[in-house]
Amino acid sequence: MEIHKSGEDYLKTILILKNRQGYVRSIDVANELGFSKPSISRAMSILRDNGYLMIELGGNIILTEKGMEKARSIYERHIVITTFFVKVLGVDKAIAEKDACKIEHDISDETFLKTKKYLKNM
């Protein structure tokens, strides 16, 4: 099953929170994204049912291998696009972050890889 943009955002957020604080619960995702707990709980159930994460008895959210792969992929796109906008185009970091969030889901593999290569060769 193809994952939607919102699902990618949730996975990326879970990865970021895990790196930041060492654990992730639904309330952490809700607070980070500014969504209601019921909305997050529903999304977590969908992601769990599709094999992207597991929820432990205490409520800790764990990304599966499939979920981690997708989260890392979308997060890498976010970082590369943000960096390109800031370093190459001179865009303000806050604006670059917001724009990257929109583009990271739709950018073609070719454009992403060439952007990444361009930054590497700078």
C-alpha atoms as a PDB file:
ATOM      1  CA  MET A   1       0.000   0.000   0.000  1.00  0.00           C
ATOM      2  CA  GLU A   2       1.286   3.453  -0.965  1.00  0.00           C
ATOM      3  CA  ILE A   3       1.776   5.789   1.986  1.00  0.00           C
ATOM      4  CA  HIS A   4       0.216   9.263   1.867  1.00  0.00           C
ATOM      5  CA  LYS A   5       2.001  12.569   2.482  1.00  0.00           C
ATOM      6  CA  SER A   6       0.545  12.791   5.986  1.00  0.00           C
ATOM      7  CA  GLY A   7       1.818   9.297   6.783  1.00  0.00           C
ATOM      8  CA  GLU A   8       5.290  10.284   5.625  1.00  0.00           C
ATOM      9  CA  ASP A   9       5.112  13.358   7.865  1.00  0.00           C
ATOM     10  CA  TYR A  10       4.157  11.219  10.855  1.00  0.00           C
ATOM     11  CA  LEU A  11       7.006   8.788  10.230  1.00  0.00           C
ATOM     12  CA  LYS A  12       9.507  11.634   9.819  1.00  0.00           C
ATOM     13  CA  THR A  13       8.257  13.237  13.030  1.00  0.00           C
ATOM     14  CA  ILE A  14       8.543   9.947  14.932  1.00  0.00           C
ATOM     15  CA  LEU A  15      12.149   9.585  13.733  1.00  0.00           C
ATOM     16  CA  ILE A  16      13.006  13.163  14.738  1.00  0.00           C
ATOM     17  CA  LEU A  17      11.399  12.761  18.188  1.00  0.00           C
ATOM     18  CA  LYS A  18      13.134   9.404  18.751  1.00  0.00           C
ATOM     19  CA  ASN A  19      16.488  11.014  17.925  1.00  0.00           C
ATOM     20  CA  ARG A  20      15.729  14.017  20.140  1.00  0.00           C
ATOM     21  CA  GLN A  21      14.329  12.355  23.257  1.00  0.00           C
ATOM     22  CA  GLY A  22      14.965   8.623  22.918  1.00  0.00           C
ATOM     23  CA  TYR A  23      11.307   7.559  22.938  1.00  0.00           C
ATOM     24  CA  VAL A  24       8.050   8.556  21.239  1.00  0.00           C
ATOM     25  CA  ARG A  25       4.427   8.397  22.369  1.00  0.00           C
ATOM     26  CA  SER A  26       1.307   9.551  20.528  1.00  0.00           C
ATOM     27  CA  ILE A  27       1.071  12.647  22.730  1.00  0.00           C
ATOM     28  CA  ASP A  28       4.618  13.626  21.688  1.00  0.00           C
ATOM     29  CA  VAL A  29       3.638  13.428  18.017  1.00  0.00           C
ATOM     30  CA  ALA A  30       0.438  15.389  18.725  1.00  0.00           C
ATOM     31  CA  ASN A  31       2.384  18.124  20.529  1.00  0.00           C
ATOM     32  CA  GLU A  32       5.071  18.304  17.833  1.00  0.00           C
ATOM     33  CA  LEU A  33       2.609  18.590  14.953  1.00  0.00           C
ATOM     34  CA  GLY A  34      -0.124  20.538  16.750  1.00  0.00           C
ATOM     35  CA  PHE A  35      -2.804  17.909  16.094  1.00  0.00           C
ATOM     36  CA  SER A  36      -5.339  16.415  18.496  1.00  0.00           C
ATOM     37  CA  LYS A  37      -4.534  13.171  20.293  1.00  0.00           C
ATOM     38  CA  PRO A  38      -7.498  11.356  18.650  1.00  0.00           C
ATOM     39  CA  SER A  39      -6.238  12.346  15.176  1.00  0.00           C
ATOM     40  CA  ILE A  40      -2.765  11.054  16.002  1.00  0.00           C
ATOM     41  CA  SER A  41      -4.116   7.837  17.523  1.00  0.00           C
ATOM     42  CA  ARG A  42      -6.077   7.105  14.344  1.00  0.00           C
ATOM     43  CA  ALA A  43      -3.043   7.807  12.158  1.00  0.00           C
ATOM     44  CA  MET A  44      -0.818   5.610  14.359  1.00  0.00           C
ATOM     45  CA  SER A  45      -3.346   2.765  14.028  1.00  0.00           C
ATOM     46  CA  ILE A  46      -3.299   3.065  10.236  1.00  0.00           C
ATOM     47  CA  LEU A  47       0.507   3.126  10.142  1.00  0.00           C
ATOM     48  CA  ARG A  48       0.636   0.138  12.517  1.00  0.00           C
ATOM     49  CA  ASP A  49      -1.865  -1.810  10.412  1.00  0.00           C
ATOM     50  CA  ASN A  50       0.271  -1.142   7.331  1.00  0.00           C
ATOM     51  CA  GLY A  51       3.472  -2.375   8.982  1.00  0.00           C
ATOM     52  CA  TYR A  52       5.272   0.930   9.506  1.00  0.00           C
ATOM     53  CA  LEU A  53       5.314   0.916  13.301  1.00  0.00           C
ATOM     54  CA  MET A  54       4.515  -0.978  16.476  1.00  0.00           C
ATOM     55  CA  ILE A  55       2.999   0.414  19.656  1.00  0.00           C
ATOM     56  CA  GLU A  56       4.257  -1.143  22.887  1.00  0.00           C
ATOM     57  CA  LEU A  57       2.027  -1.746  25.898  1.00  0.00           C
ATOM     58  CA  GLY A  58       3.249   1.442  27.592  1.00  0.00           C
ATOM     59  CA  GLY A  59       2.417   3.467  24.489  1.00  0.00           C
ATOM     60  CA  ASN A  60       5.964   3.760  23.153  1.00  0.00           C
ATOM     61  CA  ILE A  61       5.985   3.955  19.340  1.00  0.00           C
ATOM     62  CA  ILE A  62       8.658   1.909  17.566  1.00  0.00           C
ATOM     63  CA  LEU A  63       9.308   2.172  13.837  1.00  0.00           C
ATOM     64  CA  THR A  64       9.554  -1.175  12.049  1.00  0.00           C
ATOM     65  CA  GLU A  65      12.331  -1.718   9.520  1.00  0.00           C
ATOM     66  CA  LYS A  66       9.869  -0.660   6.792  1.00  0.00           C
ATOM     67  CA  GLY A  67       8.860   2.430   8.786  1.00  0.00           C
ATOM     68  CA  MET A  68      12.456   3.371   9.589  1.00  0.00           C
ATOM     69  CA  GLU A  69      13.450   3.066   5.936  1.00  0.00           C
ATOM     70  CA  LYS A  70      10.601   5.333   4.833  1.00  0.00           C
ATOM     71  CA  ALA A  71      11.214   7.832   7.674  1.00  0.00           C
ATOM     72  CA  ARG A  72      14.937   8.070   6.899  1.00  0.00           C
ATOM     73  CA  SER A  73      14.241   8.511   3.201  1.00  0.00           C
ATOM     74  CA  ILE A  74      11.789  11.370   3.693  1.00  0.00           C
ATOM     75  CA  TYR A  75      13.974  12.985   6.382  1.00  0.00           C
ATOM     76  CA  GLU A  76      17.007  12.864   4.087  1.00  0.00           C
ATOM     77  CA  ARG A  77      14.970  14.577   1.379  1.00  0.00           C
ATOM     78  CA  HIS A  78      13.912  17.211   3.901  1.00  0.00           C
ATOM     79  CA  ILE A  79      17.500  17.901   4.976  1.00  0.00           C
ATOM     80  CA  VAL A  80      18.912  18.013   1.436  1.00  0.00           C
ATOM     81  CA  ILE A  81      16.167  20.298   0.101  1.00  0.00           C
ATOM     82  CA  THR A  82      16.401  22.615   3.125  1.00  0.00           C
ATOM     83  CA  THR A  83      20.189  22.784   2.761  1.00  0.00           C
ATOM     84  CA  PHE A  84      19.926  23.516  -0.961  1.00  0.00           C
ATOM     85  CA  PHE A  85      17.467  26.354  -0.376  1.00  0.00           C
ATOM     86  CA  VAL A  86      19.577  27.910   2.385  1.00  0.00           C
ATOM     87  CA  LYS A  87      23.103  27.449   0.985  1.00  0.00           C
ATOM     88  CA  VAL A  88      22.495  27.780  -2.742  1.00  0.00           C
ATOM     89  CA  LEU A  89      19.474  30.056  -2.975  1.00  0.00           C
ATOM     90  CA  GLY A  90      19.975  32.050   0.225  1.00  0.00           C
ATOM     91  CA  VAL A  91      16.462  31.350   1.532  1.00  0.00           C
ATOM     92  CA  ASP A  92      15.803  32.017   5.224  1.00  0.00           C
ATOM     93  CA  LYS A  93      16.111  28.728   7.173  1.00  0.00           C
ATOM     94  CA  ALA A  94      12.565  28.855   8.587  1.00  0.00           C
ATOM     95  CA  ILE A  95      11.088  29.420   5.131  1.00  0.00           C
ATOM     96  CA  ALA A  96      13.352  26.763   3.618  1.00  0.00           C
ATOM     97  CA  GLU A  97      12.151  24.238   6.251  1.00  0.00           C
ATOM     98  CA  LYS A  98       8.486  24.928   5.456  1.00  0.00           C
ATOM     99  CA  ASP A  99       9.045  24.724   1.707  1.00  0.00           C
ATOM    100  CA  ALA A 100      11.080  21.519   2.061  1.00  0.00           C
ATOM    101  CA  CYS A 101       8.167  19.944   3.975  1.00  0.00           C
ATOM    102  CA  LYS A 102       5.970  20.513   0.942  1.00  0.00           C
ATOM    103  CA  ILE A 103       8.462  19.457  -1.724  1.00  0.00           C
ATOM    104  CA  GLU A 104      10.030  16.409  -0.027  1.00  0.00           C
ATOM    105  CA  HIS A 105       6.981  14.277  -0.843  1.00  0.00           C
ATOM    106  CA  ASP A 106       6.714  15.128  -4.532  1.00  0.00           C
ATOM    107  CA  ILE A 107      10.250  15.668  -5.798  1.00  0.00           C
ATOM    108  CA  SER A 108      11.329  13.110  -8.391  1.00  0.00           C
ATOM    109  CA  ASP A 109      14.164  10.732  -7.587  1.00  0.00           C
ATOM    110  CA  GLU A 110      16.204  12.218 -10.422  1.00  0.00           C
ATOM    111  CA  THR A 111      15.857  15.809  -9.197  1.00  0.00           C
ATOM    112  CA  PHE A 112      16.536  14.789  -5.609  1.00  0.00           C
ATOM    113  CA  LEU A 113      19.658  12.808  -6.508  1.00  0.00           C
ATOM    114  CA  LYS A 114      21.012  15.625  -8.686  1.00  0.00           C
ATOM    115  CA  THR A 115      20.338  18.159  -5.898  1.00  0.00           C
ATOM    116  CA  LYS A 116      22.131  15.912  -3.415  1.00  0.00           C
ATOM    117  CA  LYS A 117      25.067  15.476  -5.841  1.00  0.00           C
ATOM    118  CA  TYR A 118      25.241  19.233  -6.440  1.00  0.00           C
ATOM    119  CA  LEU A 119      25.501  19.907  -2.683  1.00  0.00           C
ATOM    120  CA  LYS A 120      28.134  17.211  -2.266  1.00  0.00           C
ATOM    121  CA  ASN A 121      30.273  18.809  -4.999  1.00  0.00           C
ATOM    122  CA  MET A 122      30.022  22.351  -3.610  1.00  0.00           C
END
